[in-house]
PDB file of N, CA and C in Angstrom:
ATOM      1  N   UNK A   1     123.243  80.173  71.263  1.00  0.00           N
ATOM      2  CA  UNK A   1     123.103  79.712  72.624  1.00  0.00           C
ATOM      3  C   UNK A   1     123.337  80.811  73.607  1.00  0.00           C
ATOM      4  N   UNK A   2     122.573  80.897  74.627  1.00  0.00           N
ATOM      5  CA  UNK A   2     122.662  81.915  75.619  1.00  0.00           C
ATOM      6  C   UNK A   2     123.823  81.582  76.567  1.00  0.00           C
ATOM      7  N   UNK A   3     124.785  82.536  76.641  1.00  0.00           N
ATOM      8  CA  UNK A   3     125.979  82.349  77.505  1.00  0.00           C
ATOM      9  C   UNK A   3     125.785  82.867  78.909  1.00  0.00           C
ATOM     10  N   UNK A   4     124.701  83.549  79.204  1.00  0.00           N
ATOM     11  CA  UNK A   4     124.488  84.145  80.515  1.00  0.00           C
ATOM     12  C   UNK A   4     124.111  83.038  81.560  1.00  0.00           C
ATOM     13  N   UNK A   5     124.702  83.183  82.717  1.00  0.00           N
ATOM     14  CA  UNK A   5     124.363  82.359  83.790  1.00  0.00           C
ATOM     15  C   UNK A   5     123.093  82.756  84.536  1.00  0.00           C
ATOM     16  N   UNK A   6     122.120  81.978  84.555  1.00  0.00           N
ATOM     17  CA  UNK A   6     120.802  82.289  85.180  1.00  0.00           C
ATOM     18  C   UNK A   6     120.968  82.656  86.665  1.00  0.00           C
ATOM     19  N   UNK A   7     121.735  81.961  87.324  1.00  0.00           N
ATOM     20  CA  UNK A   7     121.925  82.159  88.822  1.00  0.00           C
ATOM     21  C   UNK A   7     122.707  83.495  88.993  1.00  0.00           C
ATOM     22  N   UNK A   8     123.628  83.838  88.152  1.00  0.00           N
ATOM     23  CA  UNK A   8     124.393  85.133  88.279  1.00  0.00           C
ATOM     24  C   UNK A   8     123.383  86.283  88.079  1.00  0.00           C
ATOM     25  N   UNK A   9     122.397  86.153  87.180  1.00  0.00           N
ATOM     26  CA  UNK A   9     121.436  87.200  86.942  1.00  0.00           C
ATOM     27  C   UNK A   9     120.600  87.453  88.260  1.00  0.00           C
ATOM     28  N   UNK A  10     120.101  86.325  88.862  1.00  0.00           N
ATOM     29  CA  UNK A  10     119.320  86.495  90.085  1.00  0.00           C
ATOM     30  C   UNK A  10     120.146  87.111  91.172  1.00  0.00           C
ATOM     31  N   UNK A  11     121.436  86.727  91.287  1.00  0.00           N
ATOM     32  CA  UNK A  11     122.309  87.308  92.300  1.00  0.00           C
ATOM     33  C   UNK A  11     122.423  88.804  92.134  1.00  0.00           C
ATOM     34  N   UNK A  12     122.621  89.251  90.880  1.00  0.00           N
ATOM     35  CA  UNK A  12     122.755  90.737  90.657  1.00  0.00           C
ATOM     36  C   UNK A  12     121.420  91.407  90.905  1.00  0.00           C
ATOM     37  N   UNK A  13     120.330  90.831  90.488  1.00  0.00           N
ATOM     38  CA  UNK A  13     119.010  91.507  90.712  1.00  0.00           C
ATOM     39  C   UNK A  13     118.678  91.574  92.219  1.00  0.00           C
ATOM     40  N   UNK A  14     119.016  90.574  92.986  1.00  0.00           N
ATOM     41  CA  UNK A  14     118.774  90.550  94.389  1.00  0.00           C
ATOM     42  C   UNK A  14     119.686  91.578  95.151  1.00  0.00           C
ATOM     43  N   UNK A  15     120.949  91.704  94.624  1.00  0.00           N
ATOM     44  CA  UNK A  15     121.887  92.674  95.237  1.00  0.00           C
ATOM     45  C   UNK A  15     121.344  94.088  94.991  1.00  0.00           C
ATOM     46  N   UNK A  16     120.811  94.379  93.756  1.00  0.00           N
ATOM     47  CA  UNK A  16     120.281  95.674  93.467  1.00  0.00           C
ATOM     48  C   UNK A  16     119.086  95.964  94.325  1.00  0.00           C
ATOM     49  N   UNK A  17     118.216  95.003  94.596  1.00  0.00           N
ATOM     50  CA  UNK A  17     117.074  95.258  95.425  1.00  0.00           C
ATOM     51  C   UNK A  17     117.481  95.556  96.855  1.00  0.00           C
ATOM     52  N   UNK A  18     118.437  94.907  97.361  1.00  0.00           N
ATOM     53  CA  UNK A  18     119.007  95.196  98.735  1.00  0.00           C
ATOM     54  C   UNK A  18     119.580  96.575  98.775  1.00  0.00           C
ATOM     55  N   UNK A  19     120.421  96.925  97.769  1.00  0.00           N
ATOM     56  CA  UNK A  19     120.954  98.283  97.743  1.00  0.00           C
ATOM     57  C   UNK A  19     119.937  99.403  97.704  1.00  0.00           C
ATOM     58  N   UNK A  20     118.874  99.153  96.923  1.00  0.00           N
ATOM     59  CA  UNK A  20     117.802 100.143  96.825  1.00  0.00           C
ATOM     60  C   UNK A  20     117.033 100.253  98.094  1.00  0.00           C
ATOM     61  N   UNK A  21     116.861  99.151  98.838  1.00  0.00           N
ATOM     62  CA  UNK A  21     116.097  99.165 100.110  1.00  0.00           C
ATOM     63  C   UNK A  21     116.899  99.847 101.196  1.00  0.00           C
ATOM     64  N   UNK A  22     118.241  99.914 101.051  1.00  0.00           N
ATOM     65  CA  UNK A  22     119.012 100.535 102.147  1.00  0.00           C
ATOM     66  C   UNK A  22     119.203 102.007 102.007  1.00  0.00           C
ATOM     67  N   UNK A  23     118.709 102.572 100.846  1.00  0.00           N
ATOM     68  CA  UNK A  23     118.851 104.067 100.723  1.00  0.00           C
ATOM     69  C   UNK A  23     117.918 104.740 101.709  1.00  0.00           C
ATOM     70  N   UNK A  24     118.376 105.868 102.258  1.00  0.00           N
ATOM     71  CA  UNK A  24     117.524 106.588 103.234  1.00  0.00           C
ATOM     72  C   UNK A  24     116.225 107.082 102.608  1.00  0.00           C
ATOM     73  N   UNK A  25     115.119 106.848 103.330  1.00  0.00           N
ATOM     74  CA  UNK A  25     113.843 107.272 102.852  1.00  0.00           C
ATOM     75  C   UNK A  25     113.647 108.771 102.798  1.00  0.00           C
ATOM     76  N   UNK A  26     114.362 109.549 103.702  1.00  0.00           N
ATOM     77  CA  UNK A  26     114.131 110.959 103.752  1.00  0.00           C
ATOM     78  C   UNK A  26     114.557 111.625 102.481  1.00  0.00           C
ATOM     79  N   UNK A  27     115.418 111.054 101.673  1.00  0.00           N
ATOM     80  CA  UNK A  27     115.734 111.708 100.367  1.00  0.00           C
ATOM     81  C   UNK A  27     114.542 111.711  99.487  1.00  0.00           C
ATOM     82  N   UNK A  28     113.718 110.674  99.453  1.00  0.00           N
ATOM     83  CA  UNK A  28     112.559 110.691  98.685  1.00  0.00           C
ATOM     84  C   UNK A  28     111.446 111.661  99.208  1.00  0.00           C
ATOM     85  N   UNK A  29     111.373 111.724 100.516  1.00  0.00           N
ATOM     86  CA  UNK A  29     110.365 112.619 101.002  1.00  0.00           C
ATOM     87  C   UNK A  29     110.691 114.050 100.907  1.00  0.00           C
ATOM     88  N   UNK A  30     111.976 114.434 100.829  1.00  0.00           N
ATOM     89  CA  UNK A  30     112.356 115.808 100.703  1.00  0.00           C
ATOM     90  C   UNK A  30     112.455 116.308  99.275  1.00  0.00           C
ATOM     91  N   UNK A  31     112.245 115.373  98.316  1.00  0.00           N
ATOM     92  CA  UNK A  31     112.328 115.708  96.900  1.00  0.00           C
ATOM     93  C   UNK A  31     111.114 116.487  96.538  1.00  0.00           C
ATOM     94  N   UNK A  32     111.284 117.672  95.969  1.00  0.00           N
ATOM     95  CA  UNK A  32     110.181 118.536  95.505  1.00  0.00           C
ATOM     96  C   UNK A  32     109.498 117.719  94.361  1.00  0.00           C
ATOM     97  N   UNK A  33     108.143 117.498  94.462  1.00  0.00           N
ATOM     98  CA  UNK A  33     107.434 116.714  93.484  1.00  0.00           C
ATOM     99  C   UNK A  33     106.339 117.547  92.891  1.00  0.00           C
ATOM    100  N   UNK A  34     106.184 117.453  91.623  1.00  0.00           N
ATOM    101  CA  UNK A  34     105.158 118.200  90.851  1.00  0.00           C
ATOM    102  C   UNK A  34     104.470 117.176  89.995  1.00  0.00           C
ATOM    103  N   UNK A  35     103.137 117.068  90.039  1.00  0.00           N
ATOM    104  CA  UNK A  35     102.409 116.133  89.232  1.00  0.00           C
ATOM    105  C   UNK A  35     102.479 116.435  87.725  1.00  0.00           C
ATOM    106  N   UNK A  36     102.425 115.472  86.933  1.00  0.00           N
ATOM    107  CA  UNK A  36     102.486 115.748  85.468  1.00  0.00           C
ATOM    108  C   UNK A  36     101.210 116.490  85.069  1.00  0.00           C
ATOM    109  N   UNK A  37     100.127 116.267  85.740  1.00  0.00           N
ATOM    110  CA  UNK A  37      98.862 116.977  85.388  1.00  0.00           C
ATOM    111  C   UNK A  37      99.010 118.448  85.681  1.00  0.00           C
ATOM    112  N   UNK A  38      99.738 118.843  86.712  1.00  0.00           N
ATOM    113  CA  UNK A  38      99.959 120.210  87.061  1.00  0.00           C
ATOM    114  C   UNK A  38     100.831 120.859  85.985  1.00  0.00           C
ATOM    115  N   UNK A  39     101.841 120.109  85.488  1.00  0.00           N
ATOM    116  CA  UNK A  39     102.759 120.633  84.477  1.00  0.00           C
ATOM    117  C   UNK A  39     102.154 120.663  83.110  1.00  0.00           C
ATOM    118  N   UNK A  40     101.422 119.763  82.642  1.00  0.00           N
ATOM    119  CA  UNK A  40     100.927 119.613  81.361  1.00  0.00           C
ATOM    120  C   UNK A  40      99.501 120.149  81.152  1.00  0.00           C
ATOM    121  N   UNK A  41      98.668 120.163  82.194  1.00  0.00           N
ATOM    122  CA  UNK A  41      97.318 120.546  82.018  1.00  0.00           C
ATOM    123  C   UNK A  41      96.652 119.607  80.933  1.00  0.00           C
ATOM    124  N   UNK A  42      96.071 120.221  79.955  1.00  0.00           N
ATOM    125  CA  UNK A  42      95.443 119.441  78.841  1.00  0.00           C
ATOM    126  C   UNK A  42      96.401 119.219  77.697  1.00  0.00           C
ATOM    127  N   UNK A  43      97.586 119.704  77.762  1.00  0.00           N
ATOM    128  CA  UNK A  43      98.582 119.518  76.696  1.00  0.00           C
ATOM    129  C   UNK A  43      99.360 118.230  76.798  1.00  0.00           C
ATOM    130  N   UNK A  44     100.007 117.825  75.738  1.00  0.00           N
ATOM    131  CA  UNK A  44     100.900 116.602  75.678  1.00  0.00           C
ATOM    132  C   UNK A  44     102.331 116.989  75.569  1.00  0.00           C
ATOM    133  N   UNK A  45     102.602 118.274  75.513  1.00  0.00           N
ATOM    134  CA  UNK A  45     103.983 118.715  75.285  1.00  0.00           C
ATOM    135  C   UNK A  45     104.147 120.143  75.919  1.00  0.00           C
ATOM    136  N   UNK A  46     105.299 120.293  76.629  1.00  0.00           N
ATOM    137  CA  UNK A  46     105.633 121.600  77.224  1.00  0.00           C
ATOM    138  C   UNK A  46     107.035 121.974  76.901  1.00  0.00           C
ATOM    139  N   UNK A  47     107.377 123.214  76.996  1.00  0.00           N
ATOM    140  CA  UNK A  47     108.709 123.681  76.754  1.00  0.00           C
ATOM    141  C   UNK A  47     109.321 124.045  78.105  1.00  0.00           C
ATOM    142  N   UNK A  48     110.585 123.735  78.289  1.00  0.00           N
ATOM    143  CA  UNK A  48     111.343 124.075  79.478  1.00  0.00           C
ATOM    144  C   UNK A  48     112.556 124.926  79.107  1.00  0.00           C
ATOM    145  N   UNK A  49     112.668 126.120  79.581  1.00  0.00           N
ATOM    146  CA  UNK A  49     113.848 126.966  79.286  1.00  0.00           C
ATOM    147  C   UNK A  49     114.832 126.640  80.415  1.00  0.00           C
ATOM    148  N   UNK A  50     115.984 126.103  80.036  1.00  0.00           N
ATOM    149  CA  UNK A  50     117.072 125.812  80.996  1.00  0.00           C
ATOM    150  C   UNK A  50     118.358 126.418  80.492  1.00  0.00           C
ATOM    151  N   UNK A  51     118.811 127.442  81.225  1.00  0.00           N
ATOM    152  CA  UNK A  51     120.050 128.141  80.920  1.00  0.00           C
ATOM    153  C   UNK A  51     120.112 128.578  79.480  1.00  0.00           C
ATOM    154  N   UNK A  52     119.015 129.085  78.973  1.00  0.00           N
ATOM    155  CA  UNK A  52     118.939 129.614  77.625  1.00  0.00           C
ATOM    156  C   UNK A  52     118.672 128.581  76.555  1.00  0.00           C
ATOM    157  N   UNK A  53     118.587 127.341  76.863  1.00  0.00           N
ATOM    158  CA  UNK A  53     118.235 126.271  75.928  1.00  0.00           C
ATOM    159  C   UNK A  53     116.822 125.806  76.114  1.00  0.00           C
ATOM    160  N   UNK A  54     116.084 125.540  74.999  1.00  0.00           N
ATOM    161  CA  UNK A  54     114.722 125.082  75.097  1.00  0.00           C
ATOM    162  C   UNK A  54     114.698 123.563  75.047  1.00  0.00           C
ATOM    163  N   UNK A  55     114.127 123.016  76.082  1.00  0.00           N
ATOM    164  CA  UNK A  55     113.873 121.491  76.178  1.00  0.00           C
ATOM    165  C   UNK A  55     112.391 121.283  75.958  1.00  0.00           C
ATOM    166  N   UNK A  56     112.039 120.144  75.356  1.00  0.00           N
ATOM    167  CA  UNK A  56     110.635 119.745  75.095  1.00  0.00           C
ATOM    168  C   UNK A  56     110.402 118.539  75.904  1.00  0.00           C
ATOM    169  N   UNK A  57     109.369 118.571  76.830  1.00  0.00           N
ATOM    170  CA  UNK A  57     108.992 117.430  77.597  1.00  0.00           C
ATOM    171  C   UNK A  57     107.592 116.979  77.000  1.00  0.00           C
ATOM    172  N   UNK A  58     107.589 115.710  76.560  1.00  0.00           N
ATOM    173  CA  UNK A  58     106.407 115.192  75.940  1.00  0.00           C
ATOM    174  C   UNK A  58     105.874 113.988  76.659  1.00  0.00           C
ATOM    175  N   UNK A  59     104.541 113.790  76.608  1.00  0.00           N
ATOM    176  CA  UNK A  59     103.906 112.580  77.044  1.00  0.00           C
ATOM    177  C   UNK A  59     103.654 111.757  75.802  1.00  0.00           C
ATOM    178  N   UNK A  60     104.194 110.525  75.774  1.00  0.00           N
ATOM    179  CA  UNK A  60     104.016 109.638  74.635  1.00  0.00           C
ATOM    180  C   UNK A  60     102.622 108.976  74.668  1.00  0.00           C
ATOM    181  N   UNK A  61     102.320 108.333  73.553  1.00  0.00           N
ATOM    182  CA  UNK A  61     101.071 107.580  73.475  1.00  0.00           C
ATOM    183  C   UNK A  61     100.945 106.518  74.513  1.00  0.00           C
ATOM    184  N   UNK A  62     102.075 105.979  74.971  1.00  0.00           N
ATOM    185  CA  UNK A  62     102.089 104.906  75.997  1.00  0.00           C
ATOM    186  C   UNK A  62     102.021 105.526  77.352  1.00  0.00           C
ATOM    187  N   UNK A  63     102.040 106.818  77.486  1.00  0.00           N
ATOM    188  CA  UNK A  63     101.974 107.524  78.804  1.00  0.00           C
ATOM    189  C   UNK A  63     103.303 107.802  79.444  1.00  0.00           C
ATOM    190  N   UNK A  64     104.431 107.542  78.697  1.00  0.00           N
ATOM    191  CA  UNK A  64     105.744 107.834  79.237  1.00  0.00           C
ATOM    192  C   UNK A  64     106.198 109.223  78.949  1.00  0.00           C
ATOM    193  N   UNK A  65     107.249 109.672  79.644  1.00  0.00           N
ATOM    194  CA  UNK A  65     107.775 111.042  79.439  1.00  0.00           C
ATOM    195  C   UNK A  65     109.017 110.959  78.595  1.00  0.00           C
ATOM    196  N   UNK A  66     109.206 111.857  77.702  1.00  0.00           N
ATOM    197  CA  UNK A  66     110.408 111.981  76.835  1.00  0.00           C
ATOM    198  C   UNK A  66     110.834 113.424  76.970  1.00  0.00           C
ATOM    199  N   UNK A  67     112.167 113.617  77.246  1.00  0.00           N
ATOM    200  CA  UNK A  67     112.757 114.964  77.312  1.00  0.00           C
ATOM    201  C   UNK A  67     113.761 115.093  76.058  1.00  0.00           C
ATOM    202  N   UNK A  68     113.570 116.077  75.245  1.00  0.00           N
ATOM    203  CA  UNK A  68     114.408 116.365  74.137  1.00  0.00           C
ATOM    204  C   UNK A  68     114.982 117.777  74.157  1.00  0.00           C
ATOM    205  N   UNK A  69     116.151 117.942  73.665  1.00  0.00           N
ATOM    206  CA  UNK A  69     116.746 119.278  73.571  1.00  0.00           C
ATOM    207  C   UNK A  69     116.478 119.776  72.217  1.00  0.00           C
TER     208      UNK A  69
END
């Protein structure tokens, strides 16, 4: 039996939506953005050197991004 209260779930999700809406928009506009097409080109995986460690950023078959160390 599901012990979760349906109304409590909607209350939490509505609160999260309100909190997200009250964040200042300028933080999103000032964020440096690079398109995945510019990063990957025709590849599906790239390497990122960060402080001497190699990270691998991959595009999955579903089109999502995965970052591995």
